[in-house]
Amino acid sequence: MATRRSRGDGGLYWDESRQRWTAEVTVGFRPNGKRIVRKARGKTKTEAKAKLKELLDDIEKGAVNASAGYTVEQALDDWLKRYAQGQRDPNTVKAVRSLVNNHIVPSLGARPLVKLEVDDVEDWLAEKAEVLVTSTVRNLRSILRRAINRAQVGKRVKHNVVLLCDELPAGKGAGRPSKALTLSRRKRCSRRRRSLRCGPTSWCRC
């Protein structure tokens, strides 16, 4: 027999048709009075209890619309629709859509937004930095950040993982560290050059 708690505290019950324990939380009511419910399921009661706790935590932190079925691709689509509605050059919108479809969706699109982690984003950026210039990698990060920001406003996710990432990796063709001699090395080389009679400091290996 299903055990339920008060609606606000969430509840657990056995779903015979799905053969799963179900965690259920009421997050509000529609204008017609019908409840707005969020659900999660587990094979065991313990697993469902853990998911119930996650649902309640999400509600407490404001992510009442968080769902494992809402993917990164859907978040990008929602953001792109609003982005395209602005007074922007059609070519700009087309270029942004191309970046999304060619570089973000294939790598991250299928992942549930609530399960996207910092490591996922950092690994993806590092991968893109190997084949794209820095400015393009920066644009990709900006697009993903803005899409997640919009999802966060819609209470579909608790925080924006892109903001927690380390510095942007340098893209393809980025300049190598300068090999120019520092002032201290020039002075040291100059002294050794005089004693060893080696060549000009521009190629000195002192």
N, C-alpha and C. Protein backbone atom coordinates (compact mmCIF):
# COMPACT_ATOMS: atom_id res chain seq x y z
N MET A 1 0.85 -1.19 0.00
CA MET A 1 0.00 0.00 0.00
C MET A 1 0.88 1.23 0.00
N ALA A 2 0.57 2.23 -0.82
CA ALA A 2 1.39 3.43 -0.94
C ALA A 2 1.37 4.23 0.34
N THR A 3 2.51 4.78 0.70
CA THR A 3 2.62 5.66 1.85
C THR A 3 2.79 7.08 1.35
N ARG A 4 1.93 7.98 1.82
CA ARG A 4 2.00 9.37 1.38
C ARG A 4 2.16 10.30 2.57
N ARG A 5 2.85 11.39 2.32
CA ARG A 5 2.94 12.44 3.31
C ARG A 5 2.11 13.61 2.81
N SER A 6 2.15 14.72 3.54
CA SER A 6 1.39 15.89 3.08
C SER A 6 1.94 16.33 1.75
N ARG A 7 1.11 16.95 0.91
CA ARG A 7 1.52 17.32 -0.44
C ARG A 7 2.76 18.20 -0.45
N GLY A 8 2.83 19.13 0.50
CA GLY A 8 3.96 20.06 0.52
C GLY A 8 5.27 19.37 0.84
N ASP A 9 5.20 18.25 1.58
CA ASP A 9 6.41 17.53 1.95
C ASP A 9 6.78 16.47 0.93
N GLY A 10 5.93 16.29 -0.07
CA GLY A 10 6.17 15.26 -1.06
C GLY A 10 5.68 13.92 -0.57
N GLY A 11 5.66 12.95 -1.48
CA GLY A 11 5.19 11.64 -1.09
C GLY A 11 5.83 10.54 -1.91
N LEU A 12 5.73 9.31 -1.39
CA LEU A 12 6.27 8.13 -2.06
C LEU A 12 5.15 7.12 -2.24
N TYR A 13 5.10 6.47 -3.39
CA TYR A 13 4.12 5.41 -3.56
C TYR A 13 4.60 4.46 -4.66
N TRP A 14 4.09 3.25 -4.62
CA TRP A 14 4.45 2.22 -5.59
C TRP A 14 3.54 2.34 -6.81
N ASP A 15 4.15 2.46 -7.99
CA ASP A 15 3.40 2.54 -9.24
C ASP A 15 3.40 1.14 -9.87
N GLU A 16 2.27 0.48 -9.77
CA GLU A 16 2.18 -0.90 -10.24
C GLU A 16 2.41 -1.01 -11.74
N SER A 17 1.88 -0.05 -12.52
CA SER A 17 1.98 -0.11 -13.98
C SER A 17 3.42 0.05 -14.45
N ARG A 18 4.22 0.85 -13.73
CA ARG A 18 5.62 1.07 -14.11
C ARG A 18 6.58 0.17 -13.34
N GLN A 19 6.05 -0.46 -12.31
CA GLN A 19 6.91 -1.31 -11.45
C GLN A 19 8.07 -0.49 -10.88
N ARG A 20 7.73 0.68 -10.41
CA ARG A 20 8.72 1.60 -9.83
C ARG A 20 8.11 2.32 -8.63
N TRP A 21 8.99 2.69 -7.68
CA TRP A 21 8.59 3.59 -6.62
C TRP A 21 8.59 5.01 -7.20
N THR A 22 7.60 5.79 -6.84
CA THR A 22 7.48 7.14 -7.38
C THR A 22 7.53 8.17 -6.27
N ALA A 23 8.37 9.18 -6.47
CA ALA A 23 8.43 10.34 -5.58
C ALA A 23 7.61 11.45 -6.24
N GLU A 24 6.76 12.09 -5.47
CA GLU A 24 5.87 13.10 -6.04
C GLU A 24 5.80 14.33 -5.13
N VAL A 25 5.94 15.51 -5.76
CA VAL A 25 5.88 16.76 -5.00
C VAL A 25 4.97 17.74 -5.73
N THR A 26 4.10 18.40 -4.98
CA THR A 26 3.26 19.46 -5.54
C THR A 26 4.01 20.78 -5.43
N VAL A 27 4.20 21.45 -6.57
CA VAL A 27 4.97 22.69 -6.56
C VAL A 27 4.08 23.93 -6.76
N GLY A 28 2.79 23.72 -6.97
CA GLY A 28 1.89 24.86 -7.16
C GLY A 28 0.56 24.40 -7.74
N PHE A 29 -0.23 25.39 -8.16
CA PHE A 29 -1.55 25.09 -8.72
C PHE A 29 -1.78 25.93 -9.97
N ARG A 30 -2.47 25.35 -10.94
CA ARG A 30 -2.82 26.04 -12.17
C ARG A 30 -4.04 26.92 -11.92
N PRO A 31 -4.33 27.86 -12.86
CA PRO A 31 -5.49 28.74 -12.68
C PRO A 31 -6.79 27.98 -12.47
N ASN A 32 -6.89 26.77 -13.03
CA ASN A 32 -8.12 25.98 -12.87
C ASN A 32 -8.14 25.17 -11.58
N GLY A 33 -7.12 25.37 -10.75
CA GLY A 33 -7.06 24.68 -9.47
C GLY A 33 -6.35 23.35 -9.49
N LYS A 34 -5.96 22.88 -10.67
CA LYS A 34 -5.28 21.59 -10.78
C LYS A 34 -3.85 21.71 -10.27
N ARG A 35 -3.41 20.68 -9.55
CA ARG A 35 -2.06 20.70 -9.00
C ARG A 35 -0.98 20.62 -10.07
N ILE A 36 0.14 21.30 -9.83
CA ILE A 36 1.33 21.17 -10.67
C ILE A 36 2.26 20.22 -9.91
N VAL A 37 2.53 19.07 -10.52
CA VAL A 37 3.26 18.02 -9.82
C VAL A 37 4.59 17.72 -10.50
N ARG A 38 5.61 17.48 -9.70
CA ARG A 38 6.89 17.01 -10.19
C ARG A 38 7.11 15.61 -9.66
N LYS A 39 7.57 14.71 -10.54
CA LYS A 39 7.75 13.31 -10.15
C LYS A 39 9.14 12.81 -10.51
N ALA A 40 9.59 11.81 -9.75
CA ALA A 40 10.83 11.09 -10.06
C ALA A 40 10.61 9.65 -9.63
N ARG A 41 11.29 8.72 -10.28
CA ARG A 41 11.06 7.31 -10.00
C ARG A 41 12.35 6.56 -9.69
N GLY A 42 12.21 5.49 -8.94
CA GLY A 42 13.35 4.65 -8.61
C GLY A 42 12.94 3.19 -8.53
N LYS A 43 13.90 2.30 -8.75
CA LYS A 43 13.61 0.87 -8.69
C LYS A 43 13.34 0.42 -7.27
N THR A 44 13.97 1.10 -6.31
CA THR A 44 13.77 0.75 -4.91
C THR A 44 13.19 1.95 -4.16
N LYS A 45 12.63 1.67 -2.99
CA LYS A 45 12.08 2.76 -2.17
C LYS A 45 13.18 3.71 -1.72
N THR A 46 14.35 3.16 -1.42
CA THR A 46 15.49 4.00 -1.00
C THR A 46 15.90 4.95 -2.11
N GLU A 47 15.97 4.44 -3.33
CA GLU A 47 16.34 5.27 -4.48
C GLU A 47 15.30 6.37 -4.69
N ALA A 48 14.03 6.02 -4.59
CA ALA A 48 12.96 7.02 -4.76
C ALA A 48 13.01 8.07 -3.66
N LYS A 49 13.36 7.64 -2.43
CA LYS A 49 13.47 8.58 -1.32
C LYS A 49 14.56 9.61 -1.59
N ALA A 50 15.67 9.13 -2.13
CA ALA A 50 16.77 10.04 -2.45
C ALA A 50 16.35 11.05 -3.51
N LYS A 51 15.58 10.59 -4.49
CA LYS A 51 15.11 11.49 -5.54
C LYS A 51 14.07 12.47 -5.01
N LEU A 52 13.28 12.02 -4.03
CA LEU A 52 12.33 12.92 -3.40
C LEU A 52 13.07 14.05 -2.69
N LYS A 53 14.15 13.71 -2.02
CA LYS A 53 14.96 14.73 -1.35
C LYS A 53 15.51 15.73 -2.36
N GLU A 54 15.96 15.23 -3.52
CA GLU A 54 16.47 16.13 -4.56
C GLU A 54 15.37 17.08 -5.04
N LEU A 55 14.16 16.55 -5.23
CA LEU A 55 13.05 17.39 -5.65
C LEU A 55 12.77 18.49 -4.64
N LEU A 56 12.75 18.11 -3.36
CA LEU A 56 12.48 19.09 -2.31
C LEU A 56 13.59 20.13 -2.22
N ASP A 57 14.84 19.68 -2.40
CA ASP A 57 15.97 20.62 -2.40
C ASP A 57 15.85 21.61 -3.56
N ASP A 58 15.45 21.10 -4.73
CA ASP A 58 15.29 21.96 -5.89
C ASP A 58 14.22 23.03 -5.63
N ILE A 59 13.14 22.62 -5.01
CA ILE A 59 12.06 23.57 -4.71
C ILE A 59 12.55 24.62 -3.72
N GLU A 60 13.28 24.18 -2.71
CA GLU A 60 13.78 25.10 -1.70
C GLU A 60 14.73 26.13 -2.31
N LYS A 61 15.52 25.67 -3.31
CA LYS A 61 16.49 26.56 -3.94
C LYS A 61 15.91 27.30 -5.13
N GLY A 62 14.65 27.05 -5.43
CA GLY A 62 13.99 27.82 -6.48
C GLY A 62 13.88 27.12 -7.81
N ALA A 63 14.51 25.97 -8.00
CA ALA A 63 14.46 25.28 -9.29
C ALA A 63 13.25 24.36 -9.35
N VAL A 64 12.06 24.95 -9.26
CA VAL A 64 10.84 24.14 -9.16
C VAL A 64 10.51 23.43 -10.47
N ASN A 65 11.06 23.92 -11.59
CA ASN A 65 10.77 23.30 -12.89
C ASN A 65 11.88 22.37 -13.35
N ALA A 66 12.83 22.08 -12.46
CA ALA A 66 13.95 21.20 -12.83
C ALA A 66 13.42 19.82 -13.21
N SER A 67 13.97 19.28 -14.29
CA SER A 67 13.52 17.97 -14.75
C SER A 67 14.66 17.29 -15.50
N ALA A 68 14.83 15.99 -15.25
CA ALA A 68 15.87 15.24 -15.94
C ALA A 68 15.54 15.08 -17.42
N GLY A 69 14.30 15.40 -17.80
CA GLY A 69 13.91 15.29 -19.21
C GLY A 69 14.21 16.54 -20.01
N TYR A 70 14.61 17.61 -19.34
CA TYR A 70 14.91 18.87 -20.02
C TYR A 70 16.41 18.90 -20.34
N THR A 71 16.73 18.83 -21.62
CA THR A 71 18.13 18.67 -22.04
C THR A 71 18.80 20.00 -22.35
N VAL A 72 20.12 19.93 -22.52
CA VAL A 72 20.90 21.11 -22.91
C VAL A 72 20.41 21.62 -24.27
N GLU A 73 20.10 20.70 -25.17
CA GLU A 73 19.61 21.11 -26.50
C GLU A 73 18.30 21.89 -26.38
N GLN A 74 17.40 21.45 -25.51
CA GLN A 74 16.15 22.16 -25.33
C GLN A 74 16.38 23.55 -24.75
N ALA A 75 17.32 23.65 -23.83
CA ALA A 75 17.66 24.96 -23.26
C ALA A 75 18.20 25.89 -24.34
N LEU A 76 19.04 25.36 -25.21
CA LEU A 76 19.59 26.15 -26.31
C LEU A 76 18.49 26.57 -27.28
N ASP A 77 17.57 25.67 -27.58
CA ASP A 77 16.46 25.98 -28.48
C ASP A 77 15.60 27.11 -27.90
N ASP A 78 15.29 27.00 -26.61
CA ASP A 78 14.47 28.03 -25.97
C ASP A 78 15.16 29.39 -26.03
N TRP A 79 16.47 29.39 -25.78
CA TRP A 79 17.21 30.65 -25.81
C TRP A 79 17.29 31.20 -27.23
N LEU A 80 17.53 30.32 -28.21
CA LEU A 80 17.64 30.75 -29.60
C LEU A 80 16.34 31.39 -30.11
N LYS A 81 15.22 30.85 -29.69
CA LYS A 81 13.94 31.42 -30.12
C LYS A 81 13.81 32.86 -29.65
N ARG A 82 14.15 33.11 -28.39
CA ARG A 82 14.09 34.47 -27.86
C ARG A 82 15.16 35.36 -28.50
N TYR A 83 16.35 34.78 -28.72
CA TYR A 83 17.44 35.53 -29.33
C TYR A 83 17.06 35.99 -30.73
N ALA A 84 16.43 35.10 -31.50
CA ALA A 84 16.05 35.42 -32.88
C ALA A 84 14.94 36.45 -32.95
N GLN A 85 14.18 36.61 -31.87
CA GLN A 85 13.09 37.57 -31.86
C GLN A 85 13.58 39.00 -31.67
N GLY A 86 14.81 39.15 -31.22
CA GLY A 86 15.36 40.49 -31.02
C GLY A 86 15.69 41.15 -32.36
N GLN A 87 16.00 42.42 -32.29
CA GLN A 87 16.33 43.17 -33.50
C GLN A 87 17.79 42.93 -33.86
N ARG A 88 18.02 41.76 -34.43
CA ARG A 88 19.37 41.37 -34.79
C ARG A 88 19.45 41.06 -36.28
N ASP A 89 20.63 41.23 -36.81
CA ASP A 89 20.85 40.93 -38.21
C ASP A 89 20.61 39.43 -38.44
N PRO A 90 19.84 39.09 -39.47
CA PRO A 90 19.55 37.67 -39.76
C PRO A 90 20.81 36.83 -39.93
N ASN A 91 21.86 37.44 -40.48
CA ASN A 91 23.11 36.70 -40.66
C ASN A 91 23.76 36.37 -39.32
N THR A 92 23.60 37.28 -38.35
CA THR A 92 24.14 37.03 -37.01
C THR A 92 23.41 35.87 -36.37
N VAL A 93 22.08 35.87 -36.48
CA VAL A 93 21.28 34.78 -35.91
C VAL A 93 21.66 33.46 -36.57
N LYS A 94 21.85 33.51 -37.89
CA LYS A 94 22.21 32.29 -38.63
C LYS A 94 23.57 31.77 -38.16
N ALA A 95 24.51 32.68 -37.93
CA ALA A 95 25.85 32.28 -37.49
C ALA A 95 25.80 31.66 -36.09
N VAL A 96 25.01 32.25 -35.21
CA VAL A 96 24.88 31.72 -33.85
C VAL A 96 24.23 30.34 -33.88
N ARG A 97 23.19 30.19 -34.69
CA ARG A 97 22.51 28.91 -34.81
C ARG A 97 23.47 27.84 -35.34
N SER A 98 24.34 28.24 -36.26
CA SER A 98 25.31 27.31 -36.81
C SER A 98 26.30 26.84 -35.73
N LEU A 99 26.73 27.76 -34.88
CA LEU A 99 27.64 27.39 -33.79
C LEU A 99 26.96 26.39 -32.84
N VAL A 100 25.70 26.66 -32.55
CA VAL A 100 24.95 25.78 -31.66
C VAL A 100 24.82 24.38 -32.26
N ASN A 101 24.38 24.33 -33.52
CA ASN A 101 24.10 23.03 -34.16
C ASN A 101 25.37 22.23 -34.47
N ASN A 102 26.46 22.93 -34.75
CA ASN A 102 27.68 22.24 -35.16
C ASN A 102 28.65 21.94 -34.02
N HIS A 103 28.60 22.75 -32.96
CA HIS A 103 29.63 22.62 -31.93
C HIS A 103 29.13 22.37 -30.51
N ILE A 104 27.89 22.71 -30.22
CA ILE A 104 27.39 22.51 -28.85
C ILE A 104 26.48 21.29 -28.77
N VAL A 105 25.47 21.25 -29.63
CA VAL A 105 24.50 20.15 -29.58
C VAL A 105 25.14 18.78 -29.76
N PRO A 106 26.04 18.58 -30.74
CA PRO A 106 26.62 17.24 -30.91
C PRO A 106 27.36 16.73 -29.67
N SER A 107 27.94 17.64 -28.91
CA SER A 107 28.74 17.23 -27.75
C SER A 107 27.94 17.18 -26.45
N LEU A 108 27.05 18.17 -26.25
CA LEU A 108 26.38 18.31 -24.96
C LEU A 108 24.86 18.25 -25.04
N GLY A 109 24.31 18.31 -26.24
CA GLY A 109 22.87 18.47 -26.41
C GLY A 109 21.99 17.44 -25.73
N ALA A 110 22.40 16.19 -25.74
CA ALA A 110 21.55 15.13 -25.20
C ALA A 110 21.58 15.04 -23.68
N ARG A 111 22.52 15.72 -23.07
CA ARG A 111 22.67 15.60 -21.60
C ARG A 111 21.56 16.39 -20.89
N PRO A 112 20.94 15.81 -19.88
CA PRO A 112 19.96 16.56 -19.09
C PRO A 112 20.63 17.79 -18.47
N LEU A 113 19.98 18.93 -18.56
CA LEU A 113 20.59 20.17 -18.08
C LEU A 113 20.94 20.08 -16.60
N VAL A 114 20.08 19.45 -15.81
CA VAL A 114 20.33 19.38 -14.37
C VAL A 114 21.52 18.49 -14.04
N LYS A 115 21.97 17.68 -15.00
CA LYS A 115 23.11 16.79 -14.77
C LYS A 115 24.39 17.28 -15.44
N LEU A 116 24.31 18.44 -16.09
CA LEU A 116 25.51 19.01 -16.71
C LEU A 116 26.44 19.51 -15.62
N GLU A 117 27.69 19.07 -15.67
CA GLU A 117 28.66 19.41 -14.63
C GLU A 117 29.79 20.26 -15.18
N VAL A 118 30.53 20.88 -14.27
CA VAL A 118 31.65 21.74 -14.64
C VAL A 118 32.65 20.98 -15.49
N ASP A 119 32.97 19.75 -15.10
CA ASP A 119 33.94 18.94 -15.86
C ASP A 119 33.46 18.71 -17.29
N ASP A 120 32.17 18.53 -17.47
CA ASP A 120 31.62 18.32 -18.83
C ASP A 120 31.92 19.54 -19.70
N VAL A 121 31.67 20.71 -19.15
CA VAL A 121 31.86 21.94 -19.92
C VAL A 121 33.34 22.21 -20.17
N GLU A 122 34.17 22.01 -19.16
CA GLU A 122 35.60 22.26 -19.32
C GLU A 122 36.22 21.30 -20.33
N ASP A 123 35.83 20.03 -20.29
CA ASP A 123 36.35 19.05 -21.25
C ASP A 123 35.91 19.43 -22.67
N TRP A 124 34.67 19.86 -22.79
CA TRP A 124 34.14 20.27 -24.11
C TRP A 124 34.88 21.48 -24.64
N LEU A 125 35.12 22.47 -23.81
CA LEU A 125 35.84 23.67 -24.24
C LEU A 125 37.28 23.32 -24.64
N ALA A 126 37.92 22.46 -23.87
CA ALA A 126 39.29 22.04 -24.19
C ALA A 126 39.33 21.32 -25.53
N GLU A 127 38.34 20.50 -25.79
CA GLU A 127 38.25 19.78 -27.07
C GLU A 127 38.08 20.76 -28.23
N LYS A 128 37.23 21.75 -28.04
CA LYS A 128 36.99 22.74 -29.09
C LYS A 128 38.21 23.64 -29.30
N ALA A 129 38.94 23.89 -28.24
CA ALA A 129 40.13 24.75 -28.35
C ALA A 129 41.21 24.13 -29.23
N GLU A 130 41.15 22.82 -29.42
CA GLU A 130 42.14 22.14 -30.25
C GLU A 130 41.89 22.36 -31.74
N VAL A 131 40.65 22.73 -32.10
CA VAL A 131 40.32 22.85 -33.52
C VAL A 131 39.74 24.21 -33.91
N LEU A 132 39.46 25.06 -32.92
CA LEU A 132 38.87 26.37 -33.20
C LEU A 132 39.72 27.48 -32.60
N VAL A 133 39.63 28.65 -33.20
CA VAL A 133 40.39 29.79 -32.67
C VAL A 133 39.76 30.25 -31.37
N THR A 134 40.52 31.00 -30.59
CA THR A 134 40.08 31.42 -29.26
C THR A 134 38.77 32.21 -29.30
N SER A 135 38.63 33.11 -30.27
CA SER A 135 37.41 33.93 -30.33
C SER A 135 36.17 33.07 -30.53
N THR A 136 36.27 32.00 -31.32
CA THR A 136 35.13 31.12 -31.54
C THR A 136 34.82 30.32 -30.28
N VAL A 137 35.85 29.84 -29.59
CA VAL A 137 35.65 29.12 -28.33
C VAL A 137 34.97 30.03 -27.31
N ARG A 138 35.38 31.29 -27.29
CA ARG A 138 34.77 32.26 -26.38
C ARG A 138 33.30 32.47 -26.71
N ASN A 139 32.98 32.53 -27.99
CA ASN A 139 31.58 32.69 -28.41
C ASN A 139 30.74 31.48 -28.01
N LEU A 140 31.31 30.29 -28.16
CA LEU A 140 30.59 29.07 -27.77
C LEU A 140 30.29 29.08 -26.28
N ARG A 141 31.27 29.45 -25.50
CA ARG A 141 31.06 29.50 -24.04
C ARG A 141 29.99 30.53 -23.69
N SER A 142 30.02 31.67 -24.37
CA SER A 142 29.04 32.72 -24.11
C SER A 142 27.62 32.25 -24.45
N ILE A 143 27.47 31.56 -25.57
CA ILE A 143 26.15 31.06 -25.98
C ILE A 143 25.61 30.08 -24.94
N LEU A 144 26.44 29.13 -24.51
CA LEU A 144 25.99 28.15 -23.53
C LEU A 144 25.65 28.83 -22.21
N ARG A 145 26.49 29.79 -21.80
CA ARG A 145 26.24 30.50 -20.54
C ARG A 145 24.89 31.23 -20.59
N ARG A 146 24.62 31.90 -21.70
CA ARG A 146 23.38 32.67 -21.82
C ARG A 146 22.15 31.76 -21.88
N ALA A 147 22.30 30.61 -22.54
CA ALA A 147 21.19 29.66 -22.61
C ALA A 147 20.86 29.11 -21.22
N ILE A 148 21.89 28.80 -20.44
CA ILE A 148 21.66 28.28 -19.09
C ILE A 148 21.13 29.37 -18.18
N ASN A 149 21.57 30.61 -18.39
CA ASN A 149 21.03 31.73 -17.61
C ASN A 149 19.52 31.82 -17.79
N ARG A 150 19.08 31.67 -19.03
CA ARG A 150 17.64 31.74 -19.30
C ARG A 150 16.91 30.58 -18.63
N ALA A 151 17.51 29.40 -18.69
CA ALA A 151 16.90 28.23 -18.03
C ALA A 151 16.85 28.44 -16.51
N GLN A 152 17.85 29.10 -15.98
CA GLN A 152 17.91 29.37 -14.55
C GLN A 152 16.79 30.35 -14.15
N VAL A 153 16.55 31.34 -14.99
CA VAL A 153 15.46 32.28 -14.73
C VAL A 153 14.12 31.54 -14.75
N GLY A 154 14.02 30.56 -15.65
CA GLY A 154 12.81 29.74 -15.73
C GLY A 154 12.74 28.66 -14.66
N LYS A 155 13.70 28.68 -13.72
CA LYS A 155 13.75 27.74 -12.59
C LYS A 155 13.86 26.28 -13.04
N ARG A 156 14.59 26.07 -14.12
CA ARG A 156 14.81 24.71 -14.60
C ARG A 156 16.13 24.14 -14.11
N VAL A 157 16.97 24.98 -13.54
CA VAL A 157 18.26 24.53 -13.04
C VAL A 157 18.66 25.45 -11.90
N LYS A 158 19.41 24.90 -10.94
CA LYS A 158 19.74 25.67 -9.74
C LYS A 158 20.86 26.68 -9.96
N HIS A 159 21.87 26.29 -10.73
CA HIS A 159 23.00 27.21 -10.94
C HIS A 159 23.56 27.02 -12.35
N ASN A 160 24.36 27.99 -12.76
CA ASN A 160 24.94 27.98 -14.10
C ASN A 160 26.37 27.45 -14.01
N VAL A 161 26.58 26.22 -14.47
CA VAL A 161 27.88 25.58 -14.32
C VAL A 161 28.96 26.28 -15.14
N VAL A 162 28.57 26.98 -16.21
CA VAL A 162 29.56 27.65 -17.05
C VAL A 162 30.30 28.72 -16.24
N LEU A 163 29.60 29.35 -15.31
CA LEU A 163 30.21 30.40 -14.49
C LEU A 163 31.22 29.84 -13.50
N LEU A 164 31.20 28.54 -13.30
CA LEU A 164 32.11 27.89 -12.34
C LEU A 164 33.36 27.33 -13.01
N CYS A 165 33.42 27.44 -14.34
CA CYS A 165 34.56 26.89 -15.08
C CYS A 165 35.81 27.74 -14.91
N ASP A 166 36.96 27.11 -15.12
CA ASP A 166 38.24 27.82 -15.08
C ASP A 166 38.36 28.74 -16.29
N GLU A 167 39.52 29.34 -16.43
CA GLU A 167 39.75 30.27 -17.53
C GLU A 167 39.55 29.59 -18.89
N LEU A 168 39.18 30.41 -19.85
CA LEU A 168 38.97 29.90 -21.21
C LEU A 168 40.28 29.35 -21.78
N PRO A 169 40.27 28.14 -22.33
CA PRO A 169 41.51 27.60 -22.93
C PRO A 169 41.85 28.33 -24.22
N ALA A 170 43.13 28.50 -24.48
CA ALA A 170 43.57 29.16 -25.70
C ALA A 170 43.24 28.28 -26.90
N GLY A 171 42.71 28.90 -27.94
CA GLY A 171 42.30 28.15 -29.11
C GLY A 171 43.42 27.82 -30.06
N LYS A 172 43.05 27.17 -31.16
CA LYS A 172 44.00 26.77 -32.19
C LYS A 172 44.72 27.99 -32.75
N GLY A 173 46.04 27.86 -32.91
CA GLY A 173 46.81 28.95 -33.50
C GLY A 173 47.17 30.05 -32.53
N ALA A 174 46.82 29.85 -31.24
CA ALA A 174 47.17 30.87 -30.25
C ALA A 174 48.67 30.99 -30.17
N GLY A 175 49.16 32.20 -29.96
CA GLY A 175 50.60 32.44 -29.93
C GLY A 175 51.29 31.65 -28.84
N ARG A 176 52.46 31.16 -29.14
CA ARG A 176 53.24 30.45 -28.14
C ARG A 176 53.86 31.46 -27.18
N PRO A 177 54.20 31.00 -25.95
CA PRO A 177 54.86 31.89 -25.00
C PRO A 177 56.12 32.49 -25.61
N SER A 178 56.33 33.76 -25.34
CA SER A 178 57.48 34.46 -25.92
C SER A 178 58.79 33.85 -25.46
N LYS A 179 59.73 33.73 -26.41
CA LYS A 179 61.06 33.22 -26.08
C LYS A 179 62.06 34.37 -25.88
N ALA A 180 61.55 35.59 -25.88
CA ALA A 180 62.43 36.74 -25.70
C ALA A 180 63.08 36.67 -24.32
N LEU A 181 64.33 37.10 -24.23
CA LEU A 181 65.05 37.05 -22.97
C LEU A 181 64.55 38.15 -22.03
N THR A 182 64.41 37.80 -20.76
CA THR A 182 64.04 38.80 -19.76
C THR A 182 65.25 39.67 -19.48
N LEU A 183 65.04 40.80 -18.81
CA LEU A 183 66.13 41.72 -18.52
C LEU A 183 67.21 41.03 -17.70
N SER A 184 66.79 40.26 -16.69
CA SER A 184 67.78 39.59 -15.83
C SER A 184 68.59 38.58 -16.63
N ARG A 185 67.92 37.85 -17.56
CA ARG A 185 68.65 36.87 -18.38
C ARG A 185 69.59 37.57 -19.35
N ARG A 186 69.17 38.72 -19.88
CA ARG A 186 70.04 39.46 -20.80
C ARG A 186 71.33 39.88 -20.09
N LYS A 187 71.16 40.37 -18.86
CA LYS A 187 72.35 40.80 -18.10
C LYS A 187 73.25 39.61 -17.82
N ARG A 188 72.62 38.47 -17.44
CA ARG A 188 73.41 37.28 -17.13
C ARG A 188 74.13 36.78 -18.38
N CYS A 189 73.39 36.79 -19.53
CA CYS A 189 73.99 36.33 -20.78
C CYS A 189 75.11 37.26 -21.22
N SER A 190 74.89 38.56 -20.99
CA SER A 190 75.90 39.54 -21.41
C SER A 190 77.22 39.29 -20.67
N ARG A 191 77.07 39.01 -19.35
CA ARG A 191 78.29 38.75 -18.58
C ARG A 191 78.97 37.47 -19.05
N ARG A 192 78.19 36.43 -19.28
CA ARG A 192 78.77 35.16 -19.70
C ARG A 192 79.31 35.26 -21.13
N ARG A 193 78.62 36.07 -21.96
CA ARG A 193 79.08 36.21 -23.34
C ARG A 193 80.47 36.84 -23.40
N ARG A 194 80.65 37.81 -22.50
CA ARG A 194 81.97 38.46 -22.48
C ARG A 194 83.05 37.49 -22.03
N SER A 195 82.69 36.58 -21.09
CA SER A 195 83.70 35.65 -20.59
C SER A 195 83.87 34.44 -21.51
N LEU A 196 82.75 34.03 -22.17
CA LEU A 196 82.81 32.83 -23.01
C LEU A 196 82.91 33.16 -24.49
N ARG A 197 82.70 34.44 -24.83
CA ARG A 197 82.73 34.89 -26.23
C ARG A 197 81.68 34.14 -27.08
N CYS A 198 80.47 34.00 -26.53
CA CYS A 198 79.42 33.35 -27.32
C CYS A 198 78.74 34.39 -28.19
N GLY A 199 77.78 33.96 -28.99
CA GLY A 199 77.15 34.82 -29.98
C GLY A 199 76.21 35.84 -29.38
N PRO A 200 75.43 36.50 -30.25
CA PRO A 200 74.48 37.54 -29.83
C PRO A 200 73.44 36.95 -28.87
N THR A 201 72.92 37.82 -27.99
CA THR A 201 71.96 37.37 -26.97
C THR A 201 70.66 36.88 -27.60
N SER A 202 70.33 37.25 -28.85
CA SER A 202 69.09 36.82 -29.46
C SER A 202 69.02 35.31 -29.63
N TRP A 203 70.24 34.67 -29.75
CA TRP A 203 70.21 33.20 -29.84
C TRP A 203 71.05 32.55 -28.77
N CYS A 204 71.48 33.35 -27.80
CA CYS A 204 72.30 32.81 -26.73
C CYS A 204 71.48 31.82 -25.89
N ARG A 205 72.05 30.72 -25.49
CA ARG A 205 71.37 29.70 -24.69
C ARG A 205 71.93 29.65 -23.26
N CYS A 206 72.44 30.78 -22.79
CA CYS A 206 73.02 30.80 -21.45
C CYS A 206 71.97 30.51 -20.38
